[in-house]
Amino acid sequence: MDGLDPERIPTNLRAMMILETIGHQTEPITAAEIGRQVGLPKQTIHRLCNTLVDQGFLAREAGGLKPGRRSRAMATGILHASTSHIARHQILKRLANDTRETVNFAVPEENGMSYKDRVETDWPFRVQLPVGSHVPFHCTASGKTYLACLPKRDRERVVRSLTLARQTENTFSDPDDLLDGLKSIARQGYALDNEEFIVGMIAVAVPIRDQSGRFVASLGVHGPVQRYSLERAAEIAPRLEFAAQELSNLLSLH
């Protein structure tokens, strides 16, 4: 890889090259294929991959290996530590000023969608979900946006693995109904939360993708039903899509 002699690659760099290779994949990849791409012996690759799995940097799945909990946390931390988070927050602020509602930037984690950045509305009456909060995948606009962006096979597997706890009367609690809804979201490009997570809250979210088209995060706006209707949420979806493209362009610069 990159002209390096496999026999002279330091061990710590070998691990980083494995993580880099997996980070470019859209599906789980076998250790043998990682070895072929990195250019390291089979025995060495299997030993390193086993260590990375044991330490939580990789996870095993049918078909091979994928990024583990610690890799995802590291990627999110690196993104936040770069100067891009300042520009990102400014984009969120402009969107909040435009919509006059709370704007959220959320990424998928094991416990649900995690809010990594937000700009609160200036209205005194608001629905507060602080940075660091985790919300369910199946009944939030940000979570459904993420699920809808998954390849069909992965989407069905993930949905059927979830506990579809009913949060309100509008929550999808049947996996088939949720999958049907996700098909529509994938077609229209945005997801709505019609009081599915919290009674009295409406939300809309769109995906933020990297330059390869892969899902990175959800960009969402939520507000109380007293001033924020489902129709209004759908109307501002194009504004979110424009801001999501700005954020996508920002990612490509860092």
C-alpha atoms as a PDB file:
ATOM      1  CA  MET A   1       0.000   0.000   0.000  1.00  0.00           C
ATOM      2  CA  ASP A   2       1.368   3.397  -1.044  1.00  0.00           C
ATOM      3  CA  GLY A   3       4.702   1.857  -2.020  1.00  0.00           C
ATOM      4  CA  LEU A   4       5.613   0.654   1.496  1.00  0.00           C
ATOM      5  CA  ASP A   5       7.552  -2.569   1.987  1.00  0.00           C
ATOM      6  CA  PRO A   6       5.191  -4.832   4.031  1.00  0.00           C
ATOM      7  CA  GLU A   7       8.135  -6.254   5.944  1.00  0.00           C
ATOM      8  CA  ARG A   8       9.174  -2.785   7.127  1.00  0.00           C
ATOM      9  CA  ILE A   9       5.791  -1.353   8.139  1.00  0.00           C
ATOM     10  CA  PRO A  10       5.772  -0.643  11.915  1.00  0.00           C
ATOM     11  CA  THR A  11       3.152  -2.619  13.857  1.00  0.00           C
ATOM     12  CA  ASN A  12       1.230   0.488  14.967  1.00  0.00           C
ATOM     13  CA  LEU A  13       1.044   1.703  11.372  1.00  0.00           C
ATOM     14  CA  ARG A  14      -0.201  -1.710  10.259  1.00  0.00           C
ATOM     15  CA  ALA A  15      -3.172  -1.390  12.600  1.00  0.00           C
ATOM     16  CA  MET A  16      -3.928   2.082  11.273  1.00  0.00           C
ATOM     17  CA  MET A  17      -3.781   0.807   7.693  1.00  0.00           C
ATOM     18  CA  ILE A  18      -6.280  -1.926   8.585  1.00  0.00           C
ATOM     19  CA  LEU A  19      -8.652   0.648  10.064  1.00  0.00           C
ATOM     20  CA  GLU A  20      -8.179   2.896   7.025  1.00  0.00           C
ATOM     21  CA  THR A  21      -9.004   0.013   4.673  1.00  0.00           C
ATOM     22  CA  ILE A  22     -12.170  -0.884   6.596  1.00  0.00           C
ATOM     23  CA  GLY A  23     -13.160   2.782   6.720  1.00  0.00           C
ATOM     24  CA  HIS A  24     -13.372   2.848   2.917  1.00  0.00           C
ATOM     25  CA  GLN A  25     -15.786  -0.106   2.763  1.00  0.00           C
ATOM     26  CA  THR A  26     -19.572   0.009   2.567  1.00  0.00           C
ATOM     27  CA  GLU A  27     -19.939  -3.677   3.564  1.00  0.00           C
ATOM     28  CA  PRO A  28     -18.113  -5.949   6.040  1.00  0.00           C
ATOM     29  CA  ILE A  29     -14.796  -7.168   4.648  1.00  0.00           C
ATOM     30  CA  THR A  30     -12.865 -10.356   5.374  1.00  0.00           C
ATOM     31  CA  ALA A  31      -9.455 -10.390   6.994  1.00  0.00           C
ATOM     32  CA  ALA A  32      -8.074 -12.074   3.877  1.00  0.00           C
ATOM     33  CA  GLU A  33      -9.285  -9.204   1.676  1.00  0.00           C
ATOM     34  CA  ILE A  34      -7.844  -6.656   4.119  1.00  0.00           C
ATOM     35  CA  GLY A  35      -4.523  -8.478   3.905  1.00  0.00           C
ATOM     36  CA  ARG A  36      -4.618  -8.374   0.133  1.00  0.00           C
ATOM     37  CA  GLN A  37      -5.301  -4.626   0.083  1.00  0.00           C
ATOM     38  CA  VAL A  38      -2.787  -3.751   2.794  1.00  0.00           C
ATOM     39  CA  GLY A  39      -0.166  -6.177   1.513  1.00  0.00           C
ATOM     40  CA  LEU A  40       0.521  -8.055   4.740  1.00  0.00           C
ATOM     41  CA  PRO A  41       0.811 -11.831   5.350  1.00  0.00           C
ATOM     42  CA  LYS A  42      -2.327 -13.753   6.269  1.00  0.00           C
ATOM     43  CA  GLN A  43      -1.035 -14.721   9.713  1.00  0.00           C
ATOM     44  CA  THR A  44      -0.123 -11.123  10.550  1.00  0.00           C
ATOM     45  CA  ILE A  45      -3.464  -9.744   9.377  1.00  0.00           C
ATOM     46  CA  HIS A  46      -5.480 -12.294  11.362  1.00  0.00           C
ATOM     47  CA  ARG A  47      -3.442 -11.588  14.506  1.00  0.00           C
ATOM     48  CA  LEU A  48      -3.864  -7.829  14.189  1.00  0.00           C
ATOM     49  CA  CYS A  49      -7.567  -8.057  13.347  1.00  0.00           C
ATOM     50  CA  ASN A  50      -8.195 -10.314  16.353  1.00  0.00           C
ATOM     51  CA  THR A  51      -6.454  -7.791  18.597  1.00  0.00           C
ATOM     52  CA  LEU A  52      -8.501  -4.915  17.132  1.00  0.00           C
ATOM     53  CA  VAL A  53     -11.705  -6.910  17.675  1.00  0.00           C
ATOM     54  CA  ASP A  54     -10.742  -7.727  21.270  1.00  0.00           C
ATOM     55  CA  GLN A  55     -10.076  -4.040  21.949  1.00  0.00           C
ATOM     56  CA  GLY A  56     -13.322  -2.830  20.363  1.00  0.00           C
ATOM     57  CA  PHE A  57     -11.845  -1.140  17.297  1.00  0.00           C
ATOM     58  CA  LEU A  58     -13.347  -3.759  14.953  1.00  0.00           C
ATOM     59  CA  ALA A  59     -16.495  -5.855  15.187  1.00  0.00           C
ATOM     60  CA  ARG A  60     -17.335  -9.160  13.547  1.00  0.00           C
ATOM     61  CA  GLU A  61     -20.431  -9.477  11.401  1.00  0.00           C
ATOM     62  CA  ALA A  62     -21.720 -11.990   8.873  1.00  0.00           C
ATOM     63  CA  GLY A  63     -19.476 -11.470   5.886  1.00  0.00           C
ATOM     64  CA  GLY A  64     -16.443 -10.132   7.684  1.00  0.00           C
ATOM     65  CA  LEU A  65     -15.287  -7.213   9.804  1.00  0.00           C
ATOM     66  CA  LYS A  66     -16.657  -3.703  10.265  1.00  0.00           C
ATOM     67  CA  PRO A  67     -15.700  -0.647  12.373  1.00  0.00           C
ATOM     68  CA  GLY A  68     -16.244  -1.224  16.080  1.00  0.00           C
ATOM     69  CA  ARG A  69     -17.452   1.049  18.842  1.00  0.00           C
ATOM     70  CA  ARG A  70     -14.048   2.597  19.556  1.00  0.00           C
ATOM     71  CA  SER A  71     -13.333   3.281  15.870  1.00  0.00           C
ATOM     72  CA  ARG A  72     -16.651   5.085  15.458  1.00  0.00           C
ATOM     73  CA  ALA A  73     -16.073   7.107  18.618  1.00  0.00           C
ATOM     74  CA  MET A  74     -12.573   7.982  17.434  1.00  0.00           C
ATOM     75  CA  ALA A  75     -13.840   9.089  14.020  1.00  0.00           C
ATOM     76  CA  THR A  76     -16.474  11.313  15.611  1.00  0.00           C
ATOM     77  CA  GLY A  77     -13.923  12.775  18.014  1.00  0.00           C
ATOM     78  CA  ILE A  78     -11.439  13.556  15.247  1.00  0.00           C
ATOM     79  CA  LEU A  79     -14.144  15.265  13.226  1.00  0.00           C
ATOM     80  CA  HIS A  80     -15.204  17.345  16.221  1.00  0.00           C
ATOM     81  CA  ALA A  81     -11.614  18.258  17.113  1.00  0.00           C
ATOM     82  CA  SER A  82     -10.923  19.685  13.673  1.00  0.00           C
ATOM     83  CA  THR A  83     -11.729  23.254  12.704  1.00  0.00           C
ATOM     84  CA  SER A  84     -14.622  21.891  10.661  1.00  0.00           C
ATOM     85  CA  HIS A  85     -16.848  21.789  13.759  1.00  0.00           C
ATOM     86  CA  ILE A  86     -16.696  25.606  13.947  1.00  0.00           C
ATOM     87  CA  ALA A  87     -17.872  25.981  10.357  1.00  0.00           C
ATOM     88  CA  ARG A  88     -20.435  23.234  10.924  1.00  0.00           C
ATOM     89  CA  HIS A  89     -21.920  25.078  13.883  1.00  0.00           C
ATOM     90  CA  GLN A  90     -22.212  28.243  11.816  1.00  0.00           C
ATOM     91  CA  ILE A  91     -24.206  26.350   9.178  1.00  0.00           C
ATOM     92  CA  LEU A  92     -26.493  25.050  11.924  1.00  0.00           C
ATOM     93  CA  LYS A  93     -26.917  28.581  13.277  1.00  0.00           C
ATOM     94  CA  ARG A  94     -27.948  29.929   9.876  1.00  0.00           C
ATOM     95  CA  LEU A  95     -30.475  27.131   9.504  1.00  0.00           C
ATOM     96  CA  ALA A  96     -31.867  27.797  12.990  1.00  0.00           C
ATOM     97  CA  ASN A  97     -32.212  31.503  12.211  1.00  0.00           C
ATOM     98  CA  ASP A  98     -33.956  30.662   8.961  1.00  0.00           C
ATOM     99  CA  THR A  99     -36.406  28.123  10.390  1.00  0.00           C
ATOM    100  CA  ARG A 100     -36.678  29.659  13.885  1.00  0.00           C
ATOM    101  CA  GLU A 101     -36.649  26.155  15.360  1.00  0.00           C
ATOM    102  CA  THR A 102     -34.035  23.914  16.996  1.00  0.00           C
ATOM    103  CA  VAL A 103     -31.477  22.340  14.655  1.00  0.00           C
ATOM    104  CA  ASN A 104     -29.697  19.049  15.418  1.00  0.00           C
ATOM    105  CA  PHE A 105     -26.633  17.221  14.096  1.00  0.00           C
ATOM    106  CA  ALA A 106     -26.828  13.540  15.086  1.00  0.00           C
ATOM    107  CA  VAL A 107     -24.748  10.447  14.347  1.00  0.00           C
ATOM    108  CA  PRO A 108     -25.636   6.753  14.793  1.00  0.00           C
ATOM    109  CA  GLU A 109     -24.157   4.926  17.775  1.00  0.00           C
ATOM    110  CA  GLU A 110     -24.918   1.615  19.441  1.00  0.00           C
ATOM    111  CA  ASN A 111     -27.480   3.166  21.796  1.00  0.00           C
ATOM    112  CA  GLY A 112     -29.296   5.149  19.102  1.00  0.00           C
ATOM    113  CA  MET A 113     -28.774   8.496  17.421  1.00  0.00           C
ATOM    114  CA  SER A 114     -26.422  10.710  19.414  1.00  0.00           C
ATOM    115  CA  TYR A 115     -26.738  14.495  19.285  1.00  0.00           C
ATOM    116  CA  LYS A 116     -23.258  15.905  18.636  1.00  0.00           C
ATOM    117  CA  ASP A 117     -24.211  19.521  17.937  1.00  0.00           C
ATOM    118  CA  ARG A 118     -27.331  21.644  18.102  1.00  0.00           C
ATOM    119  CA  VAL A 119     -28.572  25.213  17.995  1.00  0.00           C
ATOM    120  CA  GLU A 120     -31.602  25.983  20.128  1.00  0.00           C
ATOM    121  CA  THR A 121     -34.520  28.077  18.922  1.00  0.00           C
ATOM    122  CA  ASP A 122     -34.906  31.527  20.429  1.00  0.00           C
ATOM    123  CA  TRP A 123     -38.524  30.790  21.316  1.00  0.00           C
ATOM    124  CA  PRO A 124     -38.983  30.466  25.122  1.00  0.00           C
ATOM    125  CA  PHE A 125     -41.244  27.444  24.539  1.00  0.00           C
ATOM    126  CA  ARG A 126     -39.118  24.626  23.114  1.00  0.00           C
ATOM    127  CA  VAL A 127     -38.465  20.878  23.253  1.00  0.00           C
ATOM    128  CA  GLN A 128     -35.022  20.393  24.810  1.00  0.00           C
ATOM    129  CA  LEU A 129     -32.833  17.397  23.959  1.00  0.00           C
ATOM    130  CA  PRO A 130     -29.275  18.306  25.025  1.00  0.00           C
ATOM    131  CA  VAL A 131     -26.035  17.470  23.220  1.00  0.00           C
ATOM    132  CA  GLY A 132     -24.951  13.962  24.206  1.00  0.00           C
ATOM    133  CA  SER A 133     -28.514  12.646  24.334  1.00  0.00           C
ATOM    134  CA  HIS A 134     -29.285   9.336  22.652  1.00  0.00           C
ATOM    135  CA  VAL A 135     -32.661   8.899  20.964  1.00  0.00           C
ATOM    136  CA  PRO A 136     -34.173   5.778  19.358  1.00  0.00           C
ATOM    137  CA  PHE A 137     -33.662   4.888  15.711  1.00  0.00           C
ATOM    138  CA  HIS A 138     -37.224   3.789  14.966  1.00  0.00           C
ATOM    139  CA  CYS A 139     -39.276   6.769  16.137  1.00  0.00           C
ATOM    140  CA  THR A 140     -37.170   9.859  15.435  1.00  0.00           C
ATOM    141  CA  ALA A 141     -36.638  11.740  12.185  1.00  0.00           C
ATOM    142  CA  SER A 142     -32.850  11.493  12.523  1.00  0.00           C
ATOM    143  CA  GLY A 143     -32.966   7.781  13.291  1.00  0.00           C
ATOM    144  CA  LYS A 144     -35.338   6.942  10.459  1.00  0.00           C
ATOM    145  CA  THR A 145     -33.163   8.974   8.086  1.00  0.00           C
ATOM    146  CA  TYR A 146     -30.193   6.791   9.046  1.00  0.00           C
ATOM    147  CA  LEU A 147     -32.161   3.538   8.676  1.00  0.00           C
ATOM    148  CA  ALA A 148     -33.536   4.603   5.290  1.00  0.00           C
ATOM    149  CA  CYS A 149     -29.992   5.206   4.010  1.00  0.00           C
ATOM    150  CA  LEU A 150     -28.877   1.666   4.759  1.00  0.00           C
ATOM    151  CA  PRO A 151     -28.716  -0.846   1.889  1.00  0.00           C
ATOM    152  CA  LYS A 152     -31.994  -2.785   1.723  1.00  0.00           C
ATOM    153  CA  ARG A 153     -30.569  -5.988   3.180  1.00  0.00           C
ATOM    154  CA  ASP A 154     -28.872  -4.172   6.078  1.00  0.00           C
ATOM    155  CA  ARG A 155     -31.961  -2.037   6.679  1.00  0.00           C
ATOM    156  CA  GLU A 156     -34.173  -5.071   7.157  1.00  0.00           C
ATOM    157  CA  ARG A 157     -31.624  -6.824   9.349  1.00  0.00           C
ATOM    158  CA  VAL A 158     -31.188  -3.788  11.601  1.00  0.00           C
ATOM    159  CA  VAL A 159     -34.907  -3.040  11.861  1.00  0.00           C
ATOM    160  CA  ARG A 160     -35.724  -6.625  12.815  1.00  0.00           C
ATOM    161  CA  SER A 161     -33.024  -6.529  15.486  1.00  0.00           C
ATOM    162  CA  LEU A 162     -34.423  -3.397  17.143  1.00  0.00           C
ATOM    163  CA  THR A 163     -36.743  -3.324  20.113  1.00  0.00           C
ATOM    164  CA  LEU A 164     -39.520  -1.153  18.706  1.00  0.00           C
ATOM    165  CA  ALA A 165     -40.634   0.272  22.027  1.00  0.00           C
ATOM    166  CA  ARG A 166     -43.824   2.302  21.715  1.00  0.00           C
ATOM    167  CA  GLN A 167     -43.111   5.875  22.848  1.00  0.00           C
ATOM    168  CA  THR A 168     -46.441   7.384  21.762  1.00  0.00           C
ATOM    169  CA  GLU A 169     -49.578   6.249  19.962  1.00  0.00           C
ATOM    170  CA  ASN A 170     -47.896   7.140  16.655  1.00  0.00           C
ATOM    171  CA  THR A 171     -44.721   5.081  17.171  1.00  0.00           C
ATOM    172  CA  PHE A 172     -44.009   2.348  14.615  1.00  0.00           C
ATOM    173  CA  SER A 173     -44.015  -0.845  16.696  1.00  0.00           C
ATOM    174  CA  ASP A 174     -44.337  -3.348  13.853  1.00  0.00           C
ATOM    175  CA  PRO A 175     -41.151  -3.973  11.825  1.00  0.00           C
ATOM    176  CA  ASP A 176     -43.032  -4.422   8.542  1.00  0.00           C
ATOM    177  CA  ASP A 177     -44.813  -1.101   8.971  1.00  0.00           C
ATOM    178  CA  LEU A 178     -41.536   0.609   9.800  1.00  0.00           C
ATOM    179  CA  LEU A 179     -39.822  -0.934   6.768  1.00  0.00           C
ATOM    180  CA  ASP A 180     -42.628   0.306   4.521  1.00  0.00           C
ATOM    181  CA  GLY A 181     -42.200   3.790   5.957  1.00  0.00           C
ATOM    182  CA  LEU A 182     -38.443   3.663   5.422  1.00  0.00           C
ATOM    183  CA  LYS A 183     -38.949   2.833   1.739  1.00  0.00           C
ATOM    184  CA  SER A 184     -40.920   6.048   1.345  1.00  0.00           C
ATOM    185  CA  ILE A 185     -38.258   8.013   3.221  1.00  0.00           C
ATOM    186  CA  ALA A 186     -35.538   6.617   0.956  1.00  0.00           C
ATOM    187  CA  ARG A 187     -37.529   7.757  -2.095  1.00  0.00           C
ATOM    188  CA  GLN A 188     -38.388  11.263  -0.876  1.00  0.00           C
ATOM    189  CA  GLY A 189     -35.015  11.972   0.723  1.00  0.00           C
ATOM    190  CA  TYR A 190     -36.191  13.142   4.146  1.00  0.00           C
ATOM    191  CA  ALA A 191     -37.896  11.724   7.240  1.00  0.00           C
ATOM    192  CA  LEU A 192     -40.675  13.145   9.384  1.00  0.00           C
ATOM    193  CA  ASP A 193     -41.445  12.480  13.039  1.00  0.00           C
ATOM    194  CA  ASN A 194     -45.162  12.920  13.533  1.00  0.00           C
ATOM    195  CA  GLU A 195     -45.219  12.897  17.352  1.00  0.00           C
ATOM    196  CA  GLU A 196     -43.711   9.396  17.240  1.00  0.00           C
ATOM    197  CA  PHE A 197     -41.043  10.022  19.877  1.00  0.00           C
ATOM    198  CA  ILE A 198     -42.539  12.746  22.069  1.00  0.00           C
ATOM    199  CA  VAL A 199     -46.180  13.792  22.164  1.00  0.00           C
ATOM    200  CA  GLY A 200     -46.366  17.379  20.935  1.00  0.00           C
ATOM    201  CA  MET A 201     -43.114  17.349  18.932  1.00  0.00           C
ATOM    202  CA  ILE A 202     -42.770  17.395  15.134  1.00  0.00           C
ATOM    203  CA  ALA A 203     -39.419  16.893  13.386  1.00  0.00           C
ATOM    204  CA  VAL A 204     -37.849  16.563   9.954  1.00  0.00           C
ATOM    205  CA  ALA A 205     -34.364  15.280   9.089  1.00  0.00           C
ATOM    206  CA  VAL A 206     -32.188  14.693   6.029  1.00  0.00           C
ATOM    207  CA  PRO A 207     -28.968  12.719   5.561  1.00  0.00           C
ATOM    208  CA  ILE A 208     -25.495  14.213   5.375  1.00  0.00           C
ATOM    209  CA  ARG A 209     -23.280  12.098   3.129  1.00  0.00           C
ATOM    210  CA  ASP A 210     -19.569  11.966   2.451  1.00  0.00           C
ATOM    211  CA  GLN A 211     -18.071  12.317  -1.025  1.00  0.00           C
ATOM    212  CA  SER A 212     -18.650   8.603  -1.649  1.00  0.00           C
ATOM    213  CA  GLY A 213     -22.359   8.976  -0.919  1.00  0.00           C
ATOM    214  CA  ARG A 214     -22.177   7.168   2.412  1.00  0.00           C
ATOM    215  CA  PHE A 215     -24.286   8.298   5.362  1.00  0.00           C
ATOM    216  CA  VAL A 216     -22.362  10.371   7.905  1.00  0.00           C
ATOM    217  CA  ALA A 217     -24.978  12.088  10.060  1.00  0.00           C
ATOM    218  CA  SER A 218     -28.535  13.379  10.169  1.00  0.00           C
ATOM    219  CA  LEU A 219     -29.422  17.055  10.049  1.00  0.00           C
ATOM    220  CA  GLY A 220     -32.764  17.711  11.674  1.00  0.00           C
ATOM    221  CA  VAL A 221     -35.145  20.418  12.853  1.00  0.00           C
ATOM    222  CA  HIS A 222     -37.784  19.933  15.535  1.00  0.00           C
ATOM    223  CA  GLY A 223     -40.397  22.030  17.248  1.00  0.00           C
ATOM    224  CA  PRO A 224     -43.659  21.877  19.223  1.00  0.00           C
ATOM    225  CA  VAL A 225     -46.952  21.231  17.439  1.00  0.00           C
ATOM    226  CA  GLN A 226     -48.304  24.537  18.755  1.00  0.00           C
ATOM    227  CA  ARG A 227     -46.331  26.375  16.039  1.00  0.00           C
ATOM    228  CA  TYR A 228     -44.664  23.658  13.932  1.00  0.00           C
ATOM    229  CA  SER A 229     -46.922  21.480  11.772  1.00  0.00           C
ATOM    230  CA  LEU A 230     -46.119  18.369   9.772  1.00  0.00           C
ATOM    231  CA  GLU A 231     -46.801  20.357   6.594  1.00  0.00           C
ATOM    232  CA  ARG A 232     -44.376  23.062   7.704  1.00  0.00           C
ATOM    233  CA  ALA A 233     -41.714  20.441   8.435  1.00  0.00           C
ATOM    234  CA  ALA A 234     -42.074  18.997   4.928  1.00  0.00           C
ATOM    235  CA  GLU A 235     -41.895  22.482   3.405  1.00  0.00           C
ATOM    236  CA  ILE A 236     -38.515  23.241   4.967  1.00  0.00           C
ATOM    237  CA  ALA A 237     -36.975  19.897   3.919  1.00  0.00           C
ATOM    238  CA  PRO A 238     -35.329  21.509   0.841  1.00  0.00           C
ATOM    239  CA  ARG A 239     -33.613  24.046   3.117  1.00  0.00           C
ATOM    240  CA  LEU A 240     -32.216  21.195   5.194  1.00  0.00           C
ATOM    241  CA  GLU A 241     -31.035  19.437   2.041  1.00  0.00           C
ATOM    242  CA  PHE A 242     -29.152  22.568   0.973  1.00  0.00           C
ATOM    243  CA  ALA A 243     -27.510  22.859   4.397  1.00  0.00           C
ATOM    244  CA  ALA A 244     -26.710  19.131   4.355  1.00  0.00           C
ATOM    245  CA  GLN A 245     -24.895  19.608   1.052  1.00  0.00           C
ATOM    246  CA  GLU A 246     -22.906  22.463   2.593  1.00  0.00           C
ATOM    247  CA  LEU A 247     -21.937  20.155   5.451  1.00  0.00           C
ATOM    248  CA  SER A 248     -21.029  17.410   3.013  1.00  0.00           C
ATOM    249  CA  ASN A 249     -18.777  19.818   1.113  1.00  0.00           C
ATOM    250  CA  LEU A 250     -17.214  20.833   4.412  1.00  0.00           C
ATOM    251  CA  LEU A 251     -16.338  17.229   5.216  1.00  0.00           C
ATOM    252  CA  SER A 252     -14.456  16.900   1.942  1.00  0.00           C
ATOM    253  CA  LEU A 253     -12.133  19.760   2.931  1.00  0.00           C
ATOM    254  CA  HIS A 254     -10.882  18.119   6.132  1.00  0.00           C
END
